[in-house]
C-alpha atoms as a PDB file:
ATOM      1  CA  UNK A   1      30.070  15.593 -76.048  1.00  0.00           C
ATOM      2  CA  UNK A   2      31.001  12.224 -76.847  1.00  0.00           C
ATOM      3  CA  UNK A   3      34.423  10.550 -74.853  1.00  0.00           C
ATOM      4  CA  UNK A   4      35.830   7.529 -75.686  1.00  0.00           C
ATOM      5  CA  UNK A   5      37.785   6.602 -72.562  1.00  0.00           C
ATOM      6  CA  UNK A   6      35.959   7.799 -70.020  1.00  0.00           C
ATOM      7  CA  UNK A   7      31.522   7.861 -68.798  1.00  0.00           C
ATOM      8  CA  UNK A   8      29.844  10.972 -68.139  1.00  0.00           C
ATOM      9  CA  UNK A   9      25.840  10.856 -67.076  1.00  0.00           C
ATOM     10  CA  UNK A  10      23.726  13.368 -65.106  1.00  0.00           C
ATOM     11  CA  UNK A  11      21.004  12.459 -63.096  1.00  0.00           C
ATOM     12  CA  UNK A  12      18.874  13.851 -60.804  1.00  0.00           C
ATOM     13  CA  UNK A  13      20.878  16.150 -60.355  1.00  0.00           C
ATOM     14  CA  UNK A  14      24.200  14.234 -60.072  1.00  0.00           C
ATOM     15  CA  UNK A  15      27.188  14.682 -62.917  1.00  0.00           C
ATOM     16  CA  UNK A  16      28.769  11.153 -62.672  1.00  0.00           C
ATOM     17  CA  UNK A  17      32.334  10.992 -64.543  1.00  0.00           C
ATOM     18  CA  UNK A  18      33.506   6.988 -64.404  1.00  0.00           C
ATOM     19  CA  UNK A  19      37.498   5.899 -65.988  1.00  0.00           C
ATOM     20  CA  UNK A  20      36.528   3.410 -68.272  1.00  0.00           C
ATOM     21  CA  UNK A  21      39.833   1.831 -69.114  1.00  0.00           C
ATOM     22  CA  UNK A  22      38.670  -1.897 -66.778  1.00  0.00           C
ATOM     23  CA  UNK A  23      41.040  -4.025 -68.429  1.00  0.00           C
ATOM     24  CA  UNK A  24      43.800  -1.863 -67.684  1.00  0.00           C
ATOM     25  CA  UNK A  25      42.601  -0.746 -64.208  1.00  0.00           C
ATOM     26  CA  UNK A  26      41.903   2.926 -65.527  1.00  0.00           C
ATOM     27  CA  UNK A  27      45.590   3.786 -65.979  1.00  0.00           C
ATOM     28  CA  UNK A  28      45.110   7.545 -66.974  1.00  0.00           C
ATOM     29  CA  UNK A  29      46.228   8.065 -70.938  1.00  0.00           C
ATOM     30  CA  UNK A  30      46.482  12.159 -72.242  1.00  0.00           C
ATOM     31  CA  UNK A  31      42.737  11.084 -73.987  1.00  0.00           C
ATOM     32  CA  UNK A  32      41.467   9.882 -70.800  1.00  0.00           C
ATOM     33  CA  UNK A  33      43.267  13.242 -68.427  1.00  0.00           C
ATOM     34  CA  UNK A  34      41.747  15.364 -71.553  1.00  0.00           C
ATOM     35  CA  UNK A  35      38.056  13.647 -71.100  1.00  0.00           C
ATOM     36  CA  UNK A  36      38.079  14.278 -67.513  1.00  0.00           C
ATOM     37  CA  UNK A  37      39.395  17.873 -67.691  1.00  0.00           C
ATOM     38  CA  UNK A  38      36.577  18.301 -70.507  1.00  0.00           C
ATOM     39  CA  UNK A  39      33.715  16.693 -68.230  1.00  0.00           C
ATOM     40  CA  UNK A  40      34.634  18.836 -65.618  1.00  0.00           C
ATOM     41  CA  UNK A  41      34.481  21.474 -67.059  1.00  0.00           C
ATOM     42  CA  UNK A  42      30.807  20.721 -68.732  1.00  0.00           C
ATOM     43  CA  UNK A  43      29.565  20.056 -65.029  1.00  0.00           C
ATOM     44  CA  UNK A  44      30.630  22.527 -63.294  1.00  0.00           C
ATOM     45  CA  UNK A  45      28.794  24.766 -66.250  1.00  0.00           C
ATOM     46  CA  UNK A  46      26.058  22.725 -66.308  1.00  0.00           C
ATOM     47  CA  UNK A  47      22.865  23.989 -63.897  1.00  0.00           C
ATOM     48  CA  UNK A  48      21.502  20.649 -63.655  1.00  0.00           C
ATOM     49  CA  UNK A  49      24.271  19.305 -61.655  1.00  0.00           C
ATOM     50  CA  UNK A  50      24.741  20.200 -58.185  1.00  0.00           C
ATOM     51  CA  UNK A  51      26.921  17.317 -56.865  1.00  0.00           C
ATOM     52  CA  UNK A  52      30.009  15.606 -59.334  1.00  0.00           C
ATOM     53  CA  UNK A  53      31.156  12.034 -58.141  1.00  0.00           C
ATOM     54  CA  UNK A  54      34.168  10.524 -60.009  1.00  0.00           C
ATOM     55  CA  UNK A  55      34.492   6.617 -59.742  1.00  0.00           C
ATOM     56  CA  UNK A  56      35.938   3.860 -61.740  1.00  0.00           C
ATOM     57  CA  UNK A  57      35.094   1.218 -64.016  1.00  0.00           C
ATOM     58  CA  UNK A  58      35.278  -2.303 -62.402  1.00  0.00           C
ATOM     59  CA  UNK A  59      37.805  -3.119 -59.660  1.00  0.00           C
ATOM     60  CA  UNK A  60      39.817  -0.164 -59.685  1.00  0.00           C
ATOM     61  CA  UNK A  61      39.440   3.680 -59.559  1.00  0.00           C
ATOM     62  CA  UNK A  62      42.601   4.919 -61.549  1.00  0.00           C
ATOM     63  CA  UNK A  63      46.120   3.158 -61.441  1.00  0.00           C
ATOM     64  CA  UNK A  64      48.032   6.345 -62.375  1.00  0.00           C
ATOM     65  CA  UNK A  65      49.788   6.617 -65.762  1.00  0.00           C
ATOM     66  CA  UNK A  66      49.507   3.897 -68.362  1.00  0.00           C
ATOM     67  CA  UNK A  67      53.074   3.185 -68.445  1.00  0.00           C
ATOM     68  CA  UNK A  68      53.014   2.659 -72.070  1.00  0.00           C
ATOM     69  CA  UNK A  69      52.153   6.385 -72.147  1.00  0.00           C
ATOM     70  CA  UNK A  70      55.382   6.806 -69.664  1.00  0.00           C
ATOM     71  CA  UNK A  71      57.375   5.573 -71.845  1.00  0.00           C
ATOM     72  CA  UNK A  72      56.701   7.683 -75.070  1.00  0.00           C
ATOM     73  CA  UNK A  73      56.031  10.892 -72.676  1.00  0.00           C
ATOM     74  CA  UNK A  74      58.321  13.598 -74.144  1.00  0.00           C
ATOM     75  CA  UNK A  75      59.577  15.392 -70.875  1.00  0.00           C
ATOM     76  CA  UNK A  76      58.059  18.772 -71.988  1.00  0.00           C
ATOM     77  CA  UNK A  77      54.640  17.389 -72.216  1.00  0.00           C
ATOM     78  CA  UNK A  78      54.803  18.101 -68.481  1.00  0.00           C
ATOM     79  CA  UNK A  79      54.491  21.851 -69.392  1.00  0.00           C
ATOM     80  CA  UNK A  80      52.497  21.363 -72.274  1.00  0.00           C
ATOM     81  CA  UNK A  81      49.422  23.744 -72.853  1.00  0.00           C
ATOM     82  CA  UNK A  82      47.369  21.754 -73.872  1.00  0.00           C
ATOM     83  CA  UNK A  83      47.142  20.206 -70.712  1.00  0.00           C
ATOM     84  CA  UNK A  84      46.447  23.592 -68.353  1.00  0.00           C
ATOM     85  CA  UNK A  85      43.057  25.330 -67.514  1.00  0.00           C
ATOM     86  CA  UNK A  86      42.468  28.341 -69.747  1.00  0.00           C
ATOM     87  CA  UNK A  87      43.334  31.497 -66.866  1.00  0.00           C
ATOM     88  CA  UNK A  88      40.070  32.159 -64.946  1.00  0.00           C
ATOM     89  CA  UNK A  89      40.843  35.790 -62.954  1.00  0.00           C
ATOM     90  CA  UNK A  90      37.860  35.134 -60.577  1.00  0.00           C
ATOM     91  CA  UNK A  91      39.847  31.885 -59.679  1.00  0.00           C
ATOM     92  CA  UNK A  92      42.810  31.486 -57.882  1.00  0.00           C
ATOM     93  CA  UNK A  93      45.713  30.579 -60.074  1.00  0.00           C
ATOM     94  CA  UNK A  94      47.126  27.690 -58.143  1.00  0.00           C
ATOM     95  CA  UNK A  95      43.956  25.731 -58.693  1.00  0.00           C
ATOM     96  CA  UNK A  96      44.336  25.805 -62.832  1.00  0.00           C
ATOM     97  CA  UNK A  97      47.246  23.568 -63.171  1.00  0.00           C
ATOM     98  CA  UNK A  98      47.347  20.558 -64.679  1.00  0.00           C
ATOM     99  CA  UNK A  99      45.454  18.439 -62.284  1.00  0.00           C
ATOM    100  CA  UNK A 100      44.639  20.825 -59.140  1.00  0.00           C
ATOM    101  CA  UNK A 101      42.105  22.542 -61.146  1.00  0.00           C
ATOM    102  CA  UNK A 102      39.582  20.700 -58.816  1.00  0.00           C
ATOM    103  CA  UNK A 103      39.010  22.974 -56.577  1.00  0.00           C
ATOM    104  CA  UNK A 104      38.027  25.644 -58.950  1.00  0.00           C
ATOM    105  CA  UNK A 105      35.330  23.459 -59.672  1.00  0.00           C
ATOM    106  CA  UNK A 106      32.448  25.487 -58.033  1.00  0.00           C
ATOM    107  CA  UNK A 107      30.594  22.280 -57.472  1.00  0.00           C
ATOM    108  CA  UNK A 108      31.319  18.992 -54.798  1.00  0.00           C
ATOM    109  CA  UNK A 109      33.350  16.640 -56.489  1.00  0.00           C
ATOM    110  CA  UNK A 110      33.136  13.192 -54.479  1.00  0.00           C
ATOM    111  CA  UNK A 111      35.421  10.483 -54.974  1.00  0.00           C
ATOM    112  CA  UNK A 112      34.279   7.489 -55.196  1.00  0.00           C
ATOM    113  CA  UNK A 113      36.562   4.957 -54.568  1.00  0.00           C
ATOM    114  CA  UNK A 114      35.789   1.571 -55.854  1.00  0.00           C
ATOM    115  CA  UNK A 115      39.567  -0.224 -55.570  1.00  0.00           C
ATOM    116  CA  UNK A 116      42.686   0.731 -56.360  1.00  0.00           C
ATOM    117  CA  UNK A 117      44.085   4.352 -56.654  1.00  0.00           C
ATOM    118  CA  UNK A 118      47.317   5.106 -57.170  1.00  0.00           C
ATOM    119  CA  UNK A 119      50.112   7.711 -58.682  1.00  0.00           C
ATOM    120  CA  UNK A 120      47.919  10.257 -60.619  1.00  0.00           C
ATOM    121  CA  UNK A 121      44.501   8.487 -59.485  1.00  0.00           C
ATOM    122  CA  UNK A 122      45.858   9.156 -55.983  1.00  0.00           C
ATOM    123  CA  UNK A 123      46.526  12.738 -56.666  1.00  0.00           C
ATOM    124  CA  UNK A 124      43.400  13.039 -58.596  1.00  0.00           C
ATOM    125  CA  UNK A 125      41.612  11.511 -55.232  1.00  0.00           C
ATOM    126  CA  UNK A 126      43.041  13.727 -52.927  1.00  0.00           C
ATOM    127  CA  UNK A 127      42.067  17.194 -55.373  1.00  0.00           C
ATOM    128  CA  UNK A 128      38.781  16.325 -54.481  1.00  0.00           C
ATOM    129  CA  UNK A 129      36.379  17.545 -51.119  1.00  0.00           C
ATOM    130  CA  UNK A 130      35.351  14.255 -50.299  1.00  0.00           C
ATOM    131  CA  UNK A 131      36.750  11.113 -50.273  1.00  0.00           C
ATOM    132  CA  UNK A 132      34.637   7.730 -50.037  1.00  0.00           C
ATOM    133  CA  UNK A 133      36.309   4.686 -50.250  1.00  0.00           C
ATOM    134  CA  UNK A 134      35.455   0.806 -50.462  1.00  0.00           C
ATOM    135  CA  UNK A 135      36.562  -1.249 -48.224  1.00  0.00           C
ATOM    136  CA  UNK A 136      38.384  -3.054 -51.011  1.00  0.00           C
ATOM    137  CA  UNK A 137      40.502   0.218 -51.930  1.00  0.00           C
ATOM    138  CA  UNK A 138      44.395   0.156 -51.770  1.00  0.00           C
ATOM    139  CA  UNK A 139      46.267   3.394 -52.190  1.00  0.00           C
ATOM    140  CA  UNK A 140      50.259   3.755 -53.174  1.00  0.00           C
ATOM    141  CA  UNK A 141      51.812   6.831 -54.160  1.00  0.00           C
ATOM    142  CA  UNK A 142      54.014   4.538 -56.223  1.00  0.00           C
ATOM    143  CA  UNK A 143      56.189   7.728 -57.259  1.00  0.00           C
ATOM    144  CA  UNK A 144      58.848   6.561 -55.119  1.00  0.00           C
ATOM    145  CA  UNK A 145      59.204   3.315 -56.866  1.00  0.00           C
ATOM    146  CA  UNK A 146      59.082   4.587 -60.913  1.00  0.00           C
ATOM    147  CA  UNK A 147      62.109   6.754 -60.472  1.00  0.00           C
ATOM    148  CA  UNK A 148      60.227  10.126 -60.232  1.00  0.00           C
ATOM    149  CA  UNK A 149      58.946  12.444 -57.311  1.00  0.00           C
ATOM    150  CA  UNK A 150      56.013  14.114 -55.214  1.00  0.00           C
ATOM    151  CA  UNK A 151      54.148  14.630 -59.066  1.00  0.00           C
ATOM    152  CA  UNK A 152      51.663  18.238 -58.904  1.00  0.00           C
ATOM    153  CA  UNK A 153      51.455  19.081 -55.913  1.00  0.00           C
ATOM    154  CA  UNK A 154      50.958  16.510 -53.614  1.00  0.00           C
ATOM    155  CA  UNK A 155      53.593  17.551 -51.876  1.00  0.00           C
ATOM    156  CA  UNK A 156      51.764  20.228 -51.032  1.00  0.00           C
ATOM    157  CA  UNK A 157      47.534  18.582 -50.359  1.00  0.00           C
ATOM    158  CA  UNK A 158      48.815  15.235 -48.464  1.00  0.00           C
ATOM    159  CA  UNK A 159      50.085  16.681 -45.589  1.00  0.00           C
ATOM    160  CA  UNK A 160      47.320  18.764 -44.563  1.00  0.00           C
ATOM    161  CA  UNK A 161      45.421  15.354 -45.077  1.00  0.00           C
ATOM    162  CA  UNK A 162      47.798  13.288 -43.006  1.00  0.00           C
ATOM    163  CA  UNK A 163      50.268  14.918 -41.307  1.00  0.00           C
ATOM    164  CA  UNK A 164      54.063  15.513 -42.807  1.00  0.00           C
ATOM    165  CA  UNK A 165      55.369  12.261 -40.977  1.00  0.00           C
ATOM    166  CA  UNK A 166      53.250   9.587 -42.653  1.00  0.00           C
ATOM    167  CA  UNK A 167      52.983  11.884 -45.538  1.00  0.00           C
ATOM    168  CA  UNK A 168      56.752  11.394 -45.435  1.00  0.00           C
ATOM    169  CA  UNK A 169      56.187   7.602 -45.571  1.00  0.00           C
ATOM    170  CA  UNK A 170      53.523   7.324 -48.777  1.00  0.00           C
ATOM    171  CA  UNK A 171      55.930   9.342 -50.073  1.00  0.00           C
ATOM    172  CA  UNK A 172      58.982   8.228 -49.123  1.00  0.00           C
ATOM    173  CA  UNK A 173      58.281   4.217 -49.379  1.00  0.00           C
ATOM    174  CA  UNK A 174      55.407   3.938 -51.953  1.00  0.00           C
ATOM    175  CA  UNK A 175      53.809   0.834 -49.655  1.00  0.00           C
ATOM    176  CA  UNK A 176      50.345   0.325 -50.525  1.00  0.00           C
ATOM    177  CA  UNK A 177      47.403   1.502 -47.853  1.00  0.00           C
ATOM    178  CA  UNK A 178      45.042  -0.459 -47.308  1.00  0.00           C
ATOM    179  CA  UNK A 179      41.378   0.514 -47.077  1.00  0.00           C
ATOM    180  CA  UNK A 180      40.868   0.519 -43.457  1.00  0.00           C
ATOM    181  CA  UNK A 181      44.401   2.636 -43.360  1.00  0.00           C
ATOM    182  CA  UNK A 182      43.771   5.138 -45.059  1.00  0.00           C
ATOM    183  CA  UNK A 183      40.285   5.833 -43.480  1.00  0.00           C
ATOM    184  CA  UNK A 184      42.731   5.845 -40.062  1.00  0.00           C
ATOM    185  CA  UNK A 185      45.231   8.276 -40.611  1.00  0.00           C
ATOM    186  CA  UNK A 186      42.467   9.965 -42.484  1.00  0.00           C
ATOM    187  CA  UNK A 187      43.669  10.150 -46.729  1.00  0.00           C
ATOM    188  CA  UNK A 188      39.723   9.121 -46.509  1.00  0.00           C
ATOM    189  CA  UNK A 189      36.912  10.566 -45.478  1.00  0.00           C
ATOM    190  CA  UNK A 190      33.999   7.765 -45.440  1.00  0.00           C
ATOM    191  CA  UNK A 191      35.115   3.421 -45.027  1.00  0.00           C
ATOM    192  CA  UNK A 192      32.335   1.872 -46.849  1.00  0.00           C
ATOM    193  CA  UNK A 193      31.740  -1.747 -47.845  1.00  0.00           C
ATOM    194  CA  UNK A 194      32.142  -2.412 -51.583  1.00  0.00           C
ATOM    195  CA  UNK A 195      28.873  -3.190 -52.196  1.00  0.00           C
ATOM    196  CA  UNK A 196      27.117  -0.142 -50.493  1.00  0.00           C
ATOM    197  CA  UNK A 197      30.106   3.011 -51.608  1.00  0.00           C
ATOM    198  CA  UNK A 198      27.007   3.592 -55.107  1.00  0.00           C
ATOM    199  CA  UNK A 199      24.759   3.681 -52.681  1.00  0.00           C
ATOM    200  CA  UNK A 200      25.879   5.940 -49.822  1.00  0.00           C
ATOM    201  CA  UNK A 201      27.728   8.029 -52.472  1.00  0.00           C
ATOM    202  CA  UNK A 202      24.118   8.554 -53.761  1.00  0.00           C
ATOM    203  CA  UNK A 203      22.457   9.399 -50.206  1.00  0.00           C
ATOM    204  CA  UNK A 204      25.192  11.713 -49.514  1.00  0.00           C
ATOM    205  CA  UNK A 205      24.610  13.166 -53.299  1.00  0.00           C
ATOM    206  CA  UNK A 206      21.165  13.168 -53.028  1.00  0.00           C
ATOM    207  CA  UNK A 207      21.097  15.148 -48.894  1.00  0.00           C
ATOM    208  CA  UNK A 208      23.241  17.824 -50.573  1.00  0.00           C
ATOM    209  CA  UNK A 209      20.884  18.794 -53.622  1.00  0.00           C
ATOM    210  CA  UNK A 210      17.684  17.844 -51.195  1.00  0.00           C
ATOM    211  CA  UNK A 211      18.872  20.492 -48.260  1.00  0.00           C
ATOM    212  CA  UNK A 212      22.156  22.246 -48.825  1.00  0.00           C
ATOM    213  CA  UNK A 213      22.307  25.684 -50.207  1.00  0.00           C
ATOM    214  CA  UNK A 214      24.006  25.920 -53.746  1.00  0.00           C
ATOM    215  CA  UNK A 215      25.308  28.930 -52.666  1.00  0.00           C
ATOM    216  CA  UNK A 216      26.198  28.182 -49.908  1.00  0.00           C
ATOM    217  CA  UNK A 217      28.603  25.134 -50.765  1.00  0.00           C
ATOM    218  CA  UNK A 218      29.526  27.110 -54.346  1.00  0.00           C
ATOM    219  CA  UNK A 219      30.970  29.707 -50.996  1.00  0.00           C
ATOM    220  CA  UNK A 220      32.369  27.274 -48.361  1.00  0.00           C
ATOM    221  CA  UNK A 221      34.225  25.049 -50.947  1.00  0.00           C
ATOM    222  CA  UNK A 222      36.097  28.499 -52.536  1.00  0.00           C
ATOM    223  CA  UNK A 223      36.664  29.194 -48.022  1.00  0.00           C
ATOM    224  CA  UNK A 224      37.892  25.554 -47.682  1.00  0.00           C
ATOM    225  CA  UNK A 225      40.325  25.840 -50.711  1.00  0.00           C
ATOM    226  CA  UNK A 226      41.795  29.821 -49.973  1.00  0.00           C
ATOM    227  CA  UNK A 227      42.310  28.917 -46.502  1.00  0.00           C
ATOM    228  CA  UNK A 228      45.867  27.734 -46.946  1.00  0.00           C
ATOM    229  CA  UNK A 229      46.868  31.211 -48.192  1.00  0.00           C
ATOM    230  CA  UNK A 230      45.527  33.026 -45.783  1.00  0.00           C
ATOM    231  CA  UNK A 231      46.016  34.958 -42.273  1.00  0.00           C
ATOM    232  CA  UNK A 232      43.603  34.168 -40.054  1.00  0.00           C
ATOM    233  CA  UNK A 233      42.328  38.111 -40.000  1.00  0.00           C
ATOM    234  CA  UNK A 234      42.404  37.227 -43.709  1.00  0.00           C
ATOM    235  CA  UNK A 235      40.033  34.496 -43.383  1.00  0.00           C
ATOM    236  CA  UNK A 236      37.874  36.551 -41.076  1.00  0.00           C
ATOM    237  CA  UNK A 237      38.018  38.617 -43.366  1.00  0.00           C
ATOM    238  CA  UNK A 238      36.187  37.014 -45.797  1.00  0.00           C
ATOM    239  CA  UNK A 239      33.545  35.642 -44.559  1.00  0.00           C
ATOM    240  CA  UNK A 240      32.411  38.570 -43.130  1.00  0.00           C
ATOM    241  CA  UNK A 241      32.382  39.612 -47.227  1.00  0.00           C
ATOM    242  CA  UNK A 242      30.424  36.832 -47.883  1.00  0.00           C
ATOM    243  CA  UNK A 243      28.012  36.925 -45.201  1.00  0.00           C
ATOM    244  CA  UNK A 244      27.053  40.211 -45.757  1.00  0.00           C
ATOM    245  CA  UNK A 245      26.115  39.191 -48.771  1.00  0.00           C
ATOM    246  CA  UNK A 246      24.964  35.840 -48.217  1.00  0.00           C
ATOM    247  CA  UNK A 247      22.509  37.292 -45.915  1.00  0.00           C
ATOM    248  CA  UNK A 248      20.538  39.186 -48.736  1.00  0.00           C
ATOM    249  CA  UNK A 249      20.120  36.494 -51.426  1.00  0.00           C
ATOM    250  CA  UNK A 250      17.459  34.391 -51.753  1.00  0.00           C
ATOM    251  CA  UNK A 251      18.952  31.024 -50.483  1.00  0.00           C
ATOM    252  CA  UNK A 252      19.330  32.638 -47.049  1.00  0.00           C
ATOM    253  CA  UNK A 253      15.407  33.901 -47.469  1.00  0.00           C
ATOM    254  CA  UNK A 254      14.757  29.952 -48.170  1.00  0.00           C
ATOM    255  CA  UNK A 255      16.576  29.242 -45.733  1.00  0.00           C
ATOM    256  CA  UNK A 256      14.396  30.748 -43.411  1.00  0.00           C
ATOM    257  CA  UNK A 257      11.066  30.217 -44.877  1.00  0.00           C
ATOM    258  CA  UNK A 258      11.708  26.248 -44.859  1.00  0.00           C
ATOM    259  CA  UNK A 259      12.301  26.081 -41.610  1.00  0.00           C
ATOM    260  CA  UNK A 260       9.952  28.262 -39.772  1.00  0.00           C
ATOM    261  CA  UNK A 261       7.530  26.796 -42.366  1.00  0.00           C
ATOM    262  CA  UNK A 262       8.805  23.161 -41.833  1.00  0.00           C
ATOM    263  CA  UNK A 263       8.947  22.226 -45.302  1.00  0.00           C
ATOM    264  CA  UNK A 264      11.352  21.055 -47.990  1.00  0.00           C
ATOM    265  CA  UNK A 265      13.762  23.769 -48.982  1.00  0.00           C
ATOM    266  CA  UNK A 266      13.764  25.201 -52.385  1.00  0.00           C
ATOM    267  CA  UNK A 267      16.499  26.990 -53.231  1.00  0.00           C
ATOM    268  CA  UNK A 268      17.398  28.528 -56.346  1.00  0.00           C
ATOM    269  CA  UNK A 269      21.392  28.807 -55.648  1.00  0.00           C
ATOM    270  CA  UNK A 270      20.841  32.709 -55.562  1.00  0.00           C
END
């Protein structure tokens, strides 16, 4: 598959997706949006891919929607069918909308936030499973300063990371948040020196690939993103069912065997 506005590469079990309009701070276009969607689906279906990394070229992660596109964007575009993930009855419908589909990807998605993440760029980072941020990164919701609203479910996901009050502050003010504050309030999970960001993300991904069952990751990711819709009892019942299945899996047998035999794991994901 050939892409115009992103880069896509697979190496050593990691699919890397790069916003690639560095001259425009990787501002999102409809072409780029569609390419990210297609690349995520491609990585999800590729048996060689175990971890997905999303990052930006140059000095930005993604500075939000390109203002040139906003000027000509028809109001009905927000509901256009071409931007919707085809519904899969085996996946929660909540995670199959225009930007909320990252949780429906069966593999871990790590946002490596190398610079500015604003608007839709921030939303994509928030729907990732983990956020590693360069100490040069800066964040803004941006919407209130454009006459817009809390878009694409950010009013649901942001309070779950930073709390209601901080989410209100970030949405109402749309102020810039530096990397240190973002880490302190829980907006990002790791704060990394800019020069070491790629290395540390790769090291973390490599540990998952070499030492962790891909089956476990797949089930745990689903559990984590399903839990906001479940009661405690429902979450326990779900876990009990998954536990029974895991005990009869190849990965469980391998998990016990490699520990007892004191050798590297050879997980298959089955």
